[in-house]
Amino acid sequence: MNDIVIADQMLKYSISYSKRRKTIKIRLVPPNLIEITAPNRMAKPEIEHLLTSKAKWINEQFSKLRTLANEPVNQCVTEGAPILYQGVPYILVWKSGQSNQEVKLCQDQIIICLPDCEQDKMNTVANQMLKIWLIDHAEKMFHEKTVFWANEIGVCPRRITIRDQKTRWGSCSSLGNINYNWRIIMAPPQVSDYLVVHELCHFIEPNHSTKFWDLVAKYMPDYKRHRDWLTKNGRILSRI
């Protein structure tokens, strides 16, 4: 473990080396650790110089992480905790000893009707039920949105798959298959639409060129706002 002063703040950093890397990878770990993955034989002074040159960015990212840590939404799946659904925070409520095990929305609450179980197992069961419920709703939502936007754009996806990924929100293949991250069900509906439009436009422009973004803008003129929301709040969605 090494120490370095960045923006008048003492931070710690660790270094691991990889034969495959050609550039440095920087990962920030709250509250003050920087994890570096560097190409083989890269000297420590060169790494420290790079960190110093990125002082403003590192300081901004740590500030965002501290703000995120203070955001209660999606921190945990426990009774009374706030969870995002379609961009709106709902309070989790447990109802144990129910004959019908289900998850349902009621005003500003997500109610999880649980079977009889010991207190220490209740959170685990509730977590599983909530995740299944969110995935089911994500599958239905993405199917409907993909059919709608595919007709608008004039493309024909072959298969839609819902995946469990932490950071990748969507992808498409040359075979016409689309993958969506179920966690987007927690984002506002417009963000979900943006993701669908994004992936479907790749059927026409399989890159991120100017032509691609012009095509996205044709069907969603305010796509930048929704893309920025996902960039800013993606870590919150990945908590669950």
Protein backbone atom coordinates (compact mmCIF):
# COMPACT_ATOMS: atom_id res chain seq x y z
CA MET A 1 0.00 0.00 0.00
CA ASN A 2 1.33 3.44 -0.97
CA ASP A 3 0.45 7.02 0.00
CA ILE A 4 0.00 9.97 -2.33
CA VAL A 5 -1.24 13.53 -1.86
CA ILE A 6 -3.87 14.55 -4.41
CA ALA A 7 -5.70 17.87 -4.19
CA ASP A 8 -4.33 18.40 -0.65
CA GLN A 9 -5.76 15.07 0.44
CA MET A 10 -3.76 12.05 1.59
CA LEU A 11 -4.90 8.99 -0.33
CA LYS A 12 -3.74 5.40 -0.43
CA TYR A 13 -3.18 3.40 -3.58
CA SER A 14 -2.32 -0.18 -4.46
CA ILE A 15 -0.75 -1.47 -7.67
CA SER A 16 -1.25 -4.77 -9.46
CA TYR A 17 0.29 -5.59 -12.82
CA SER A 18 -1.18 -7.29 -15.87
CA LYS A 19 0.51 -8.51 -19.04
CA ARG A 20 -2.68 -7.87 -21.00
CA ARG A 21 -3.10 -4.22 -20.08
CA LYS A 22 -1.71 -1.49 -22.30
CA THR A 23 -3.08 1.38 -20.23
CA ILE A 24 -3.69 2.01 -16.54
CA LYS A 25 -7.02 1.08 -15.00
CA ILE A 26 -8.09 3.19 -12.01
CA ARG A 27 -10.70 2.00 -9.52
CA LEU A 28 -11.74 4.17 -6.56
CA VAL A 29 -12.74 2.48 -3.32
CA PRO A 30 -14.30 4.65 -0.58
CA PRO A 31 -13.23 6.32 1.55
CA ASN A 32 -9.69 6.95 0.26
CA LEU A 33 -8.23 4.00 -1.67
CA ILE A 34 -7.20 3.98 -5.33
CA GLU A 35 -6.70 0.56 -6.90
CA ILE A 36 -4.37 0.60 -9.89
CA THR A 37 -4.01 -2.11 -12.52
CA ALA A 38 -1.00 -1.24 -14.67
CA PRO A 39 0.86 -2.75 -17.62
CA ASN A 40 3.91 -4.82 -16.70
CA ARG A 41 7.12 -2.89 -16.02
CA MET A 42 5.38 0.47 -15.61
CA ALA A 43 7.47 2.35 -13.07
CA LYS A 44 5.99 3.69 -9.86
CA PRO A 45 6.99 7.35 -10.61
CA GLU A 46 5.13 7.13 -13.93
CA ILE A 47 2.03 5.82 -12.18
CA GLU A 48 2.16 8.57 -9.55
CA HIS A 49 2.61 11.20 -12.25
CA LEU A 50 -0.52 9.92 -13.99
CA LEU A 51 -2.49 9.99 -10.73
CA THR A 52 -1.38 13.56 -10.07
CA SER A 53 -2.39 14.60 -13.59
CA LYS A 54 -5.86 13.20 -12.92
CA ALA A 55 -6.19 14.93 -9.54
CA LYS A 56 -9.31 16.91 -10.49
CA TRP A 57 -11.10 13.83 -11.85
CA ILE A 58 -10.14 11.68 -8.85
CA ASN A 59 -11.33 14.34 -6.42
CA GLU A 60 -14.66 14.66 -8.28
CA GLN A 61 -15.19 10.88 -8.32
CA PHE A 62 -14.53 10.52 -4.59
CA SER A 63 -16.96 13.38 -3.98
CA LYS A 64 -19.63 11.53 -6.01
CA LEU A 65 -18.96 8.32 -4.08
CA ARG A 66 -19.38 10.14 -0.76
CA THR A 67 -22.68 11.60 -1.99
CA LEU A 68 -23.78 8.15 -3.11
CA ALA A 69 -22.94 6.69 0.29
CA ASN A 70 -25.29 9.22 1.89
CA GLU A 71 -28.14 8.32 -0.51
CA PRO A 72 -30.46 5.90 1.32
CA VAL A 73 -32.29 4.61 -1.78
CA ASN A 74 -31.40 1.01 -2.74
CA GLN A 75 -28.95 0.68 0.14
CA CYS A 76 -30.47 -2.60 1.32
CA VAL A 77 -33.55 -4.83 1.14
CA THR A 78 -34.91 -4.53 4.67
CA GLU A 79 -38.27 -3.48 6.04
CA GLY A 80 -38.66 0.28 5.93
CA ALA A 81 -35.91 0.78 3.35
CA PRO A 82 -36.56 2.86 0.19
CA ILE A 83 -36.27 1.03 -3.15
CA LEU A 84 -36.52 2.51 -6.63
CA TYR A 85 -39.14 1.25 -9.06
CA GLN A 86 -39.71 3.03 -12.38
CA GLY A 87 -37.69 5.96 -11.03
CA VAL A 88 -39.87 6.41 -7.92
CA PRO A 89 -38.74 5.48 -4.38
CA TYR A 90 -41.07 3.06 -2.57
CA ILE A 91 -40.85 1.95 1.06
CA LEU A 92 -40.51 -1.80 1.63
CA VAL A 93 -43.12 -3.31 3.92
CA TRP A 94 -43.11 -6.91 5.21
CA LYS A 95 -46.30 -8.86 5.87
CA SER A 96 -45.43 -12.26 7.30
CA GLY A 97 -47.59 -15.34 7.73
CA GLN A 98 -49.44 -14.75 4.45
CA SER A 99 -51.07 -17.62 2.56
CA ASN A 100 -50.34 -15.89 -0.77
CA GLN A 101 -46.63 -15.11 -1.17
CA GLU A 102 -46.49 -12.12 -3.49
CA VAL A 103 -45.06 -8.66 -4.04
CA LYS A 104 -47.40 -5.79 -4.78
CA LEU A 105 -47.46 -2.02 -5.10
CA CYS A 106 -49.72 -0.05 -2.81
CA GLN A 107 -49.53 3.75 -3.01
CA ASP A 108 -45.94 4.59 -1.93
CA GLN A 109 -45.10 1.09 -0.69
CA ILE A 110 -43.81 -2.18 -2.08
CA ILE A 111 -45.48 -4.80 0.09
CA ILE A 112 -43.86 -8.22 0.30
CA CYS A 113 -46.26 -10.89 1.59
CA LEU A 114 -44.05 -13.49 3.24
CA PRO A 115 -44.67 -17.02 4.49
CA ASP A 116 -44.02 -17.88 8.12
CA CYS A 117 -40.27 -17.88 8.62
CA GLU A 118 -37.72 -17.06 11.28
CA GLN A 119 -36.73 -13.43 11.64
CA ASP A 120 -33.15 -14.00 10.54
CA LYS A 121 -34.38 -15.64 7.31
CA MET A 122 -37.02 -13.04 6.55
CA ASN A 123 -34.68 -10.59 4.82
CA THR A 124 -33.22 -13.34 2.64
CA VAL A 125 -36.65 -14.56 1.55
CA ALA A 126 -37.85 -10.98 0.95
CA ASN A 127 -34.74 -10.20 -1.08
CA GLN A 128 -35.33 -13.22 -3.31
CA MET A 129 -39.01 -12.42 -3.78
CA LEU A 130 -38.31 -8.76 -4.60
CA LYS A 131 -35.64 -9.65 -7.15
CA ILE A 132 -37.90 -12.17 -8.89
CA TRP A 133 -40.71 -9.60 -8.97
CA LEU A 134 -38.45 -6.92 -10.44
CA ILE A 135 -37.07 -9.30 -13.08
CA ASP A 136 -40.58 -10.40 -14.07
CA HIS A 137 -41.67 -6.79 -14.49
CA ALA A 138 -38.47 -5.95 -16.39
CA GLU A 139 -39.08 -8.83 -18.80
CA LYS A 140 -42.62 -7.66 -19.54
CA MET A 141 -41.60 -4.00 -19.83
CA PHE A 142 -38.68 -4.63 -22.18
CA HIS A 143 -40.73 -6.91 -24.40
CA GLU A 144 -43.44 -4.26 -24.81
CA LYS A 145 -41.01 -1.39 -25.33
CA THR A 146 -38.86 -3.36 -27.78
CA VAL A 147 -41.87 -4.32 -29.91
CA PHE A 148 -43.07 -0.71 -29.95
CA TRP A 149 -39.72 0.89 -30.81
CA ALA A 150 -38.74 -1.83 -33.27
CA ASN A 151 -41.87 -0.97 -35.26
CA GLU A 152 -41.04 2.74 -35.07
CA ILE A 153 -37.42 2.27 -36.19
CA GLY A 154 -38.16 -0.46 -38.70
CA VAL A 155 -35.96 -3.26 -37.36
CA CYS A 156 -36.75 -6.80 -36.26
CA PRO A 157 -34.96 -8.18 -33.19
CA ARG A 158 -34.72 -11.94 -33.03
CA ARG A 159 -34.64 -12.61 -29.29
CA ILE A 160 -34.88 -10.57 -26.08
CA THR A 161 -33.02 -11.74 -22.97
CA ILE A 162 -33.04 -10.26 -19.46
CA ARG A 163 -29.66 -10.53 -17.77
CA ASP A 164 -28.26 -10.07 -14.28
CA GLN A 165 -25.34 -7.69 -14.74
CA LYS A 166 -23.94 -5.01 -12.45
CA THR A 167 -22.76 -2.36 -14.90
CA ARG A 168 -23.69 -3.24 -18.48
CA TRP A 169 -27.20 -2.01 -19.20
CA GLY A 170 -27.79 -3.50 -22.61
CA SER A 171 -26.17 -5.11 -25.65
CA CYS A 172 -27.10 -6.53 -29.02
CA SER A 173 -25.50 -9.08 -31.32
CA SER A 174 -25.08 -9.36 -35.07
CA LEU A 175 -27.61 -12.21 -34.94
CA GLY A 176 -30.34 -9.82 -33.84
CA ASN A 177 -30.40 -10.77 -30.16
CA ILE A 178 -30.81 -8.08 -27.50
CA ASN A 179 -29.80 -8.33 -23.84
CA TYR A 180 -31.17 -5.99 -21.17
CA ASN A 181 -30.14 -5.55 -17.56
CA TRP A 182 -33.17 -6.14 -15.33
CA ARG A 183 -32.06 -3.35 -12.97
CA ILE A 184 -33.26 -0.76 -15.50
CA ILE A 185 -36.78 -1.49 -14.22
CA MET A 186 -35.75 0.72 -11.29
CA ALA A 187 -34.97 3.67 -13.60
CA PRO A 188 -37.55 6.17 -14.90
CA PRO A 189 -39.58 4.89 -17.90
CA GLN A 190 -37.93 7.40 -20.24
CA VAL A 191 -34.52 5.95 -19.38
CA SER A 192 -35.80 2.47 -20.25
CA ASP A 193 -37.06 3.83 -23.57
CA TYR A 194 -33.66 5.37 -24.24
CA LEU A 195 -31.91 2.06 -23.63
CA VAL A 196 -34.28 0.23 -25.98
CA VAL A 197 -33.86 2.85 -28.71
CA HIS A 198 -30.09 2.76 -28.20
CA GLU A 199 -29.87 -1.00 -28.72
CA LEU A 200 -32.30 -1.09 -31.66
CA CYS A 201 -30.42 1.69 -33.46
CA HIS A 202 -27.35 -0.56 -33.36
CA PHE A 203 -29.17 -2.83 -35.82
CA ILE A 204 -28.71 -0.03 -38.36
CA GLU A 205 -25.48 1.56 -37.10
CA PRO A 206 -23.40 -1.06 -35.22
CA ASN A 207 -21.08 1.49 -33.61
CA HIS A 208 -21.15 4.76 -31.69
CA SER A 209 -20.42 7.02 -34.63
CA THR A 210 -22.03 10.40 -35.29
CA LYS A 211 -24.50 8.62 -37.59
CA PHE A 212 -25.51 6.36 -34.73
CA TRP A 213 -26.18 9.20 -32.28
CA ASP A 214 -28.03 11.15 -34.99
CA LEU A 215 -30.25 8.11 -35.46
CA VAL A 216 -30.92 7.86 -31.72
CA ALA A 217 -31.75 11.57 -31.65
CA LYS A 218 -34.21 11.10 -34.52
CA TYR A 219 -36.39 8.89 -32.32
CA MET A 220 -35.47 10.40 -28.97
CA PRO A 221 -34.35 14.05 -29.27
CA ASP A 222 -33.68 14.37 -25.51
CA TYR A 223 -31.69 11.11 -25.25
CA LYS A 224 -28.71 12.91 -23.65
CA ARG A 225 -30.80 13.71 -20.58
CA HIS A 226 -31.71 10.05 -20.11
CA ARG A 227 -28.17 8.88 -20.82
CA ASP A 228 -26.87 11.33 -18.22
CA TRP A 229 -29.39 10.05 -15.67
CA LEU A 230 -28.08 6.52 -16.16
CA THR A 231 -24.47 7.67 -15.89
CA LYS A 232 -25.20 9.59 -12.70
CA ASN A 233 -27.45 7.00 -11.03
CA GLY A 234 -26.15 3.72 -12.38
CA ARG A 235 -24.35 2.89 -9.15
CA ILE A 236 -27.59 3.26 -7.22
CA LEU A 237 -29.32 0.73 -9.48
CA SER A 238 -26.40 -1.69 -9.09
CA ARG A 239 -26.76 -1.79 -5.31
CA ILE A 240 -29.61 -4.29 -5.51
